[in-house]
Amino acid sequence: MSQHDLAVRLLRVAIVLAAIFNLLALIVMVHTTPIAFTLFMFVGQPLFAIAFVLLLGAVLADLRARQML
């Protein structure tokens, strides 16, 4: 697997995780219940953090593939 393929795969996973985070945030904004808020805080926030780390990994992998880093 090349560095470019790895970067694309990491970006796809990061996009899916960010979409799940946004869906949980929308649920909390539209209809706030204790269960929805708890899920958002304990599942949504770590998903966003993981998506951010994967985005950074994809950027670094792409920079390595283009030999800029």
C-alpha atoms as a PDB file:
ATOM      1  CA  MET A   1       0.000   0.000   0.000  1.00  0.00           C
ATOM      2  CA  SER A   2       1.470   3.337  -1.031  1.00  0.00           C
ATOM      3  CA  GLN A   3       1.493   6.467   1.098  1.00  0.00           C
ATOM      4  CA  HIS A   4      -1.117   8.073  -1.159  1.00  0.00           C
ATOM      5  CA  ASP A   5      -3.536   5.145  -0.707  1.00  0.00           C
ATOM      6  CA  LEU A   6      -3.046   5.361   3.041  1.00  0.00           C
ATOM      7  CA  ALA A   7      -3.799   9.082   3.010  1.00  0.00           C
ATOM      8  CA  VAL A   8      -7.013   8.547   1.032  1.00  0.00           C
ATOM      9  CA  ARG A   9      -8.158   5.775   3.363  1.00  0.00           C
ATOM     10  CA  LEU A  10      -7.450   7.888   6.454  1.00  0.00           C
ATOM     11  CA  LEU A  11      -9.378  10.794   4.966  1.00  0.00           C
ATOM     12  CA  ARG A  12     -12.388   8.598   4.226  1.00  0.00           C
ATOM     13  CA  VAL A  13     -12.462   7.236   7.773  1.00  0.00           C
ATOM     14  CA  ALA A  14     -12.075  10.744   9.203  1.00  0.00           C
ATOM     15  CA  ILE A  15     -14.979  12.005   7.080  1.00  0.00           C
ATOM     16  CA  VAL A  16     -17.243   9.164   8.238  1.00  0.00           C
ATOM     17  CA  LEU A  17     -16.356   9.764  11.899  1.00  0.00           C
ATOM     18  CA  ALA A  18     -16.960  13.502  11.549  1.00  0.00           C
ATOM     19  CA  ALA A  19     -20.326  12.799   9.909  1.00  0.00           C
ATOM     20  CA  ILE A  20     -21.343  10.565  12.821  1.00  0.00           C
ATOM     21  CA  PHE A  21     -20.250  13.312  15.227  1.00  0.00           C
ATOM     22  CA  ASN A  22     -22.360  15.861  13.335  1.00  0.00           C
ATOM     23  CA  LEU A  23     -25.355  13.532  13.371  1.00  0.00           C
ATOM     24  CA  LEU A  24     -25.081  13.133  17.140  1.00  0.00           C
ATOM     25  CA  ALA A  25     -24.742  16.915  17.536  1.00  0.00           C
ATOM     26  CA  LEU A  26     -27.842  17.443  15.394  1.00  0.00           C
ATOM     27  CA  ILE A  27     -29.819  14.985  17.516  1.00  0.00           C
ATOM     28  CA  VAL A  28     -28.786  16.815  20.682  1.00  0.00           C
ATOM     29  CA  MET A  29     -29.665  20.209  19.182  1.00  0.00           C
ATOM     30  CA  VAL A  30     -33.061  19.153  17.861  1.00  0.00           C
ATOM     31  CA  HIS A  31     -34.309  17.037  20.747  1.00  0.00           C
ATOM     32  CA  THR A  32     -32.217  17.135  23.879  1.00  0.00           C
ATOM     33  CA  THR A  33     -32.705  14.217  26.217  1.00  0.00           C
ATOM     34  CA  PRO A  34     -30.334  13.009  28.927  1.00  0.00           C
ATOM     35  CA  ILE A  35     -29.530   9.854  26.941  1.00  0.00           C
ATOM     36  CA  ALA A  36     -28.803  11.763  23.723  1.00  0.00           C
ATOM     37  CA  PHE A  37     -26.627  14.274  25.562  1.00  0.00           C
ATOM     38  CA  THR A  38     -24.713  11.508  27.331  1.00  0.00           C
ATOM     39  CA  LEU A  39     -24.116   9.701  24.024  1.00  0.00           C
ATOM     40  CA  PHE A  40     -22.951  12.948  22.468  1.00  0.00           C
ATOM     41  CA  MET A  41     -20.516  13.683  25.285  1.00  0.00           C
ATOM     42  CA  PHE A  42     -19.088  10.168  25.695  1.00  0.00           C
ATOM     43  CA  VAL A  43     -19.195   8.986  22.059  1.00  0.00           C
ATOM     44  CA  GLY A  44     -19.357  12.106  19.894  1.00  0.00           C
ATOM     45  CA  GLN A  45     -16.465  14.034  21.378  1.00  0.00           C
ATOM     46  CA  PRO A  46     -13.963  11.146  21.141  1.00  0.00           C
ATOM     47  CA  LEU A  47     -15.134  10.474  17.565  1.00  0.00           C
ATOM     48  CA  PHE A  48     -14.316  14.060  16.659  1.00  0.00           C
ATOM     49  CA  ALA A  49     -10.894  13.812  18.318  1.00  0.00           C
ATOM     50  CA  ILE A  50     -10.126  10.567  16.454  1.00  0.00           C
ATOM     51  CA  ALA A  51     -11.272  12.141  13.175  1.00  0.00           C
ATOM     52  CA  PHE A  52      -8.945  15.098  13.777  1.00  0.00           C
ATOM     53  CA  VAL A  53      -5.975  12.827  14.499  1.00  0.00           C
ATOM     54  CA  LEU A  54      -6.724  10.805  11.355  1.00  0.00           C
ATOM     55  CA  LEU A  55      -6.901  14.018   9.334  1.00  0.00           C
ATOM     56  CA  LEU A  56      -3.468  15.001  10.601  1.00  0.00           C
ATOM     57  CA  GLY A  57      -2.188  11.520   9.759  1.00  0.00           C
ATOM     58  CA  ALA A  58      -3.564  11.798   6.231  1.00  0.00           C
ATOM     59  CA  VAL A  59      -1.941  15.182   5.718  1.00  0.00           C
ATOM     60  CA  LEU A  60       1.405  13.879   6.973  1.00  0.00           C
ATOM     61  CA  ALA A  61       1.154  10.751   4.800  1.00  0.00           C
ATOM     62  CA  ASP A  62       0.387  12.869   1.751  1.00  0.00           C
ATOM     63  CA  LEU A  63       3.309  15.176   2.477  1.00  0.00           C
ATOM     64  CA  ARG A  64       5.610  12.157   2.813  1.00  0.00           C
ATOM     65  CA  ALA A  65       4.291  10.721  -0.466  1.00  0.00           C
ATOM     66  CA  ARG A  66       5.105  13.979  -2.239  1.00  0.00           C
ATOM     67  CA  GLN A  67       8.480  14.093  -0.444  1.00  0.00           C
ATOM     68  CA  MET A  68       7.770  17.456   1.132  1.00  0.00           C
ATOM     69  CA  LEU A  69       8.336  16.236   4.663  1.00  0.00           C
END
